[in-house]
Amino acid sequence: MTTAKDLFIIAMDPKRSVGQGDLSLALAGAELIDLIVAGAVAMDGDRIMPGGQPALDDRLMEEAAAGLTRQAPYERIEDWLWRRGTDLSAAYQAALEEDGELAQKRSGRLSFGSERVEPVDTPARRRAADRRREQEPVLAALAAVVGIDGERSDDEPGLEDEAVTTVVAVVHDAVMELEAVRQRRSIENAAFANIWRGP
């Protein structure tokens, strides 16, 4: 399992509500971090430099690696997050359902209640839960960005790799930018509704 899949699984906690856009940006960041760790990319400031081509053994990670810009000027992290993150949470949901890691569950007692997706009790789910419980720094940082487990505190173990720290910071900024867009749209929609309602 990858950091992105672990993040998706813990985001499926029914007690949490994580926005699909926020989660997609964080999943793209998690993929980028795993690509850094695998040696498939290196960072030059905020630019993603393609590295070697290691065997990644994961279809979505292979797609992420195949989508890298391989000519200068190389892609900025922020641009990668927005491009790669488009509908990424839906892609992870489909992949995990296909792998038997997620299953559709009906809410309520009636058979026609709305369906939601929940993680199945598998070794992958237990591993994701263990990483979360142990506050593994990368997973904890990305989870905090999307509002799982609240804000990180100063006494938690930090990120030791500068490139990883940079990616997490850019993911945080992108999620904040997405929230600002949502708020602006909400204000514009409310103003538009008031105009039509009239005095």
Protein backbone atom coordinates (compact mmCIF):
# COMPACT_ATOMS: atom_id res chain seq x y z
CA MET A 1 0.00 0.00 0.00
CA THR A 2 1.05 3.57 -0.65
CA THR A 3 0.79 6.67 1.52
CA ALA A 4 -2.04 7.90 -0.73
CA LYS A 5 -4.03 4.67 -0.25
CA ASP A 6 -3.43 4.78 3.50
CA LEU A 7 -4.61 8.41 3.55
CA PHE A 8 -7.73 7.53 1.56
CA ILE A 9 -8.57 4.66 3.92
CA ILE A 10 -8.29 6.77 7.07
CA ALA A 11 -10.30 9.54 5.38
CA MET A 12 -13.16 7.03 4.99
CA ASP A 13 -13.73 7.05 8.76
CA PRO A 14 -17.51 7.60 9.02
CA LYS A 15 -16.94 10.03 11.92
CA ARG A 16 -14.95 12.32 9.62
CA SER A 17 -16.10 14.48 6.74
CA VAL A 18 -13.32 15.24 4.29
CA GLY A 19 -14.05 17.28 1.16
CA GLN A 20 -13.34 15.44 -2.09
CA GLY A 21 -11.35 18.37 -3.49
CA ASP A 22 -9.22 18.65 -0.34
CA LEU A 23 -8.65 14.90 -0.32
CA SER A 24 -7.71 14.83 -4.02
CA LEU A 25 -5.05 17.50 -3.48
CA ALA A 26 -3.66 15.64 -0.46
CA LEU A 27 -3.64 12.34 -2.40
CA ALA A 28 -1.62 13.99 -5.19
CA GLY A 29 0.79 15.25 -2.52
CA ALA A 30 1.03 11.78 -0.99
CA GLU A 31 1.83 10.31 -4.40
CA LEU A 32 4.54 12.91 -4.95
CA ILE A 33 6.08 12.12 -1.54
CA ASP A 34 6.11 8.40 -2.34
CA LEU A 35 7.75 9.18 -5.69
CA ILE A 36 10.44 11.18 -3.85
CA VAL A 37 11.04 8.30 -1.42
CA ALA A 38 11.22 5.81 -4.31
CA GLY A 39 13.79 7.97 -6.13
CA ALA A 40 11.46 8.55 -9.09
CA VAL A 41 11.64 12.33 -8.57
CA ALA A 42 13.83 14.89 -6.83
CA MET A 43 12.96 18.45 -5.91
CA ASP A 44 14.71 21.57 -7.14
CA GLY A 45 13.10 24.26 -5.02
CA ASP A 46 9.42 24.01 -5.95
CA ARG A 47 10.11 22.18 -9.23
CA ILE A 48 9.66 18.42 -9.71
CA MET A 49 12.73 16.89 -11.38
CA PRO A 50 12.22 13.39 -12.82
CA GLY A 51 14.66 10.87 -11.37
CA GLY A 52 15.10 7.17 -12.05
CA GLN A 53 12.30 4.86 -13.09
CA PRO A 54 11.99 2.35 -10.24
CA ALA A 55 9.37 -0.42 -10.28
CA LEU A 56 6.50 1.08 -8.31
CA ASP A 57 4.23 -2.01 -8.10
CA ASP A 58 1.07 0.12 -7.92
CA ARG A 59 -1.12 1.13 -10.88
CA LEU A 60 -1.98 4.61 -9.60
CA MET A 61 1.63 5.35 -8.67
CA GLU A 62 2.72 4.21 -12.13
CA GLU A 63 0.14 6.59 -13.64
CA ALA A 64 1.49 9.40 -11.45
CA ALA A 65 5.08 8.69 -12.53
CA ALA A 66 4.05 8.46 -16.20
CA GLY A 67 2.40 11.87 -15.93
CA LEU A 68 5.58 13.69 -14.85
CA THR A 69 6.85 16.54 -17.00
CA ARG A 70 10.22 15.30 -18.24
CA GLN A 71 11.50 18.45 -19.96
CA ALA A 72 12.59 21.81 -18.60
CA PRO A 73 11.11 23.95 -17.30
CA TYR A 74 9.91 21.24 -14.95
CA GLU A 75 6.50 21.39 -13.32
CA ARG A 76 5.94 23.27 -10.08
CA ILE A 77 4.56 21.30 -7.13
CA GLU A 78 1.43 23.47 -6.99
CA ASP A 79 0.70 22.90 -10.69
CA TRP A 80 1.22 19.13 -10.23
CA LEU A 81 -1.23 19.03 -7.32
CA TRP A 82 -4.00 20.78 -9.26
CA ARG A 83 -3.40 18.76 -12.45
CA ARG A 84 -2.88 15.34 -10.90
CA GLY A 85 -5.46 15.96 -8.17
CA THR A 86 -8.36 16.37 -10.59
CA ASP A 87 -10.90 13.67 -9.56
CA LEU A 88 -8.10 11.72 -7.86
CA SER A 89 -10.19 10.73 -4.84
CA ALA A 90 -12.70 9.06 -7.21
CA ALA A 91 -9.84 7.17 -8.89
CA TYR A 92 -8.60 5.93 -5.51
CA GLN A 93 -12.11 4.91 -4.46
CA ALA A 94 -12.54 2.90 -7.67
CA ALA A 95 -9.11 1.26 -7.33
CA LEU A 96 -9.63 0.33 -3.67
CA GLU A 97 -13.12 -1.05 -4.36
CA GLU A 98 -11.66 -3.12 -7.20
CA ASP A 99 -8.97 -4.45 -4.83
CA GLY A 100 -11.60 -5.39 -2.22
CA GLU A 101 -10.34 -2.77 0.25
CA LEU A 102 -13.63 -0.80 0.22
CA ALA A 103 -17.21 -1.94 0.15
CA GLN A 104 -20.57 -0.22 -0.29
CA LYS A 105 -22.55 -0.07 2.97
CA ARG A 106 -26.12 1.04 3.39
CA SER A 107 -26.85 3.56 6.10
CA GLY A 108 -29.99 3.12 8.15
CA ARG A 109 -32.04 0.01 8.76
CA LEU A 110 -34.01 0.09 5.54
CA SER A 111 -32.60 -1.56 2.45
CA PHE A 112 -33.22 1.56 0.34
CA GLY A 113 -31.09 3.82 2.56
CA SER A 114 -28.29 5.83 1.01
CA GLU A 115 -25.06 3.98 0.26
CA ARG A 116 -21.65 4.96 1.50
CA VAL A 117 -18.23 3.40 1.15
CA GLU A 118 -16.37 1.92 4.10
CA PRO A 119 -13.00 0.21 4.41
CA VAL A 120 -13.13 -3.56 4.70
CA ASP A 121 -11.20 -5.16 7.57
CA THR A 122 -8.07 -6.17 5.64
CA PRO A 123 -4.34 -6.11 6.41
CA ALA A 124 -4.12 -2.85 4.40
CA ARG A 125 -6.76 -1.19 6.59
CA ARG A 126 -4.99 -2.35 9.76
CA ARG A 127 -1.68 -1.06 8.41
CA ALA A 128 -3.22 2.36 7.65
CA ALA A 129 -4.77 2.42 11.15
CA ASP A 130 -1.39 1.50 12.69
CA ARG A 131 0.38 4.30 10.79
CA ARG A 132 -2.29 6.73 11.98
CA ARG A 133 -2.13 5.52 15.59
CA GLU A 134 1.67 5.72 15.61
CA GLN A 135 1.44 9.27 14.19
CA GLU A 136 3.76 8.41 11.31
CA PRO A 137 4.93 11.94 10.39
CA VAL A 138 4.07 12.05 6.66
CA LEU A 139 0.64 10.47 7.04
CA ALA A 140 -0.12 12.58 10.14
CA ALA A 141 0.89 15.79 8.35
CA LEU A 142 -1.27 15.07 5.30
CA ALA A 143 -4.19 13.95 7.48
CA ALA A 144 -3.97 17.20 9.45
CA VAL A 145 -4.03 19.23 6.22
CA VAL A 146 -7.44 17.75 5.29
CA GLY A 147 -8.82 18.05 8.84
CA ILE A 148 -8.36 14.49 10.10
CA ASP A 149 -7.16 14.49 13.73
CA GLY A 150 -7.06 18.30 13.86
CA GLU A 151 -3.95 20.45 13.66
CA ARG A 152 -0.48 19.06 14.25
CA SER A 153 1.13 20.12 17.50
CA ASP A 154 4.73 21.18 18.06
CA ASP A 155 5.57 18.11 20.17
CA GLU A 156 4.73 15.65 17.38
CA PRO A 157 7.61 14.13 15.40
CA GLY A 158 8.44 16.36 12.45
CA LEU A 159 9.27 15.71 8.83
CA GLU A 160 12.99 15.17 8.42
CA ASP A 161 13.25 15.48 4.63
CA GLU A 162 13.25 19.03 3.26
CA ALA A 163 11.62 17.97 -0.03
CA VAL A 164 8.80 16.19 1.83
CA THR A 165 8.31 19.23 4.09
CA THR A 166 8.04 21.43 0.99
CA VAL A 167 5.41 19.16 -0.58
CA VAL A 168 3.30 19.11 2.61
CA ALA A 169 3.49 22.92 2.84
CA VAL A 170 2.36 23.32 -0.78
CA VAL A 171 -0.50 20.84 -0.23
CA HIS A 172 -1.58 22.92 2.79
CA ASP A 173 -1.52 26.13 0.72
CA ALA A 174 -3.51 24.49 -2.10
CA VAL A 175 -6.18 23.25 0.33
CA MET A 176 -6.42 26.76 1.84
CA GLU A 177 -6.74 28.23 -1.67
CA LEU A 178 -9.54 25.77 -2.48
CA GLU A 179 -11.36 26.77 0.72
CA ALA A 180 -11.01 30.46 -0.21
CA VAL A 181 -12.56 29.73 -3.62
CA ARG A 182 -15.45 27.89 -1.92
CA GLN A 183 -16.08 30.81 0.44
CA ARG A 184 -15.95 33.34 -2.39
CA ARG A 185 -18.47 31.30 -4.41
CA SER A 186 -20.73 30.98 -1.39
CA ILE A 187 -20.68 34.78 -0.86
CA GLU A 188 -21.30 35.42 -4.58
CA ASN A 189 -24.20 32.93 -4.65
CA ALA A 190 -25.75 34.50 -1.54
CA ALA A 191 -25.43 37.97 -3.08
CA PHE A 192 -26.96 36.75 -6.34
CA ALA A 193 -29.88 35.16 -4.45
CA ASN A 194 -30.48 38.45 -2.59
CA ILE A 195 -30.59 40.41 -5.85
CA TRP A 196 -33.27 38.09 -7.22
CA ARG A 197 -35.26 38.16 -4.00
CA GLY A 198 -35.33 41.93 -4.12
CA PRO A 199 -36.09 44.29 -1.25
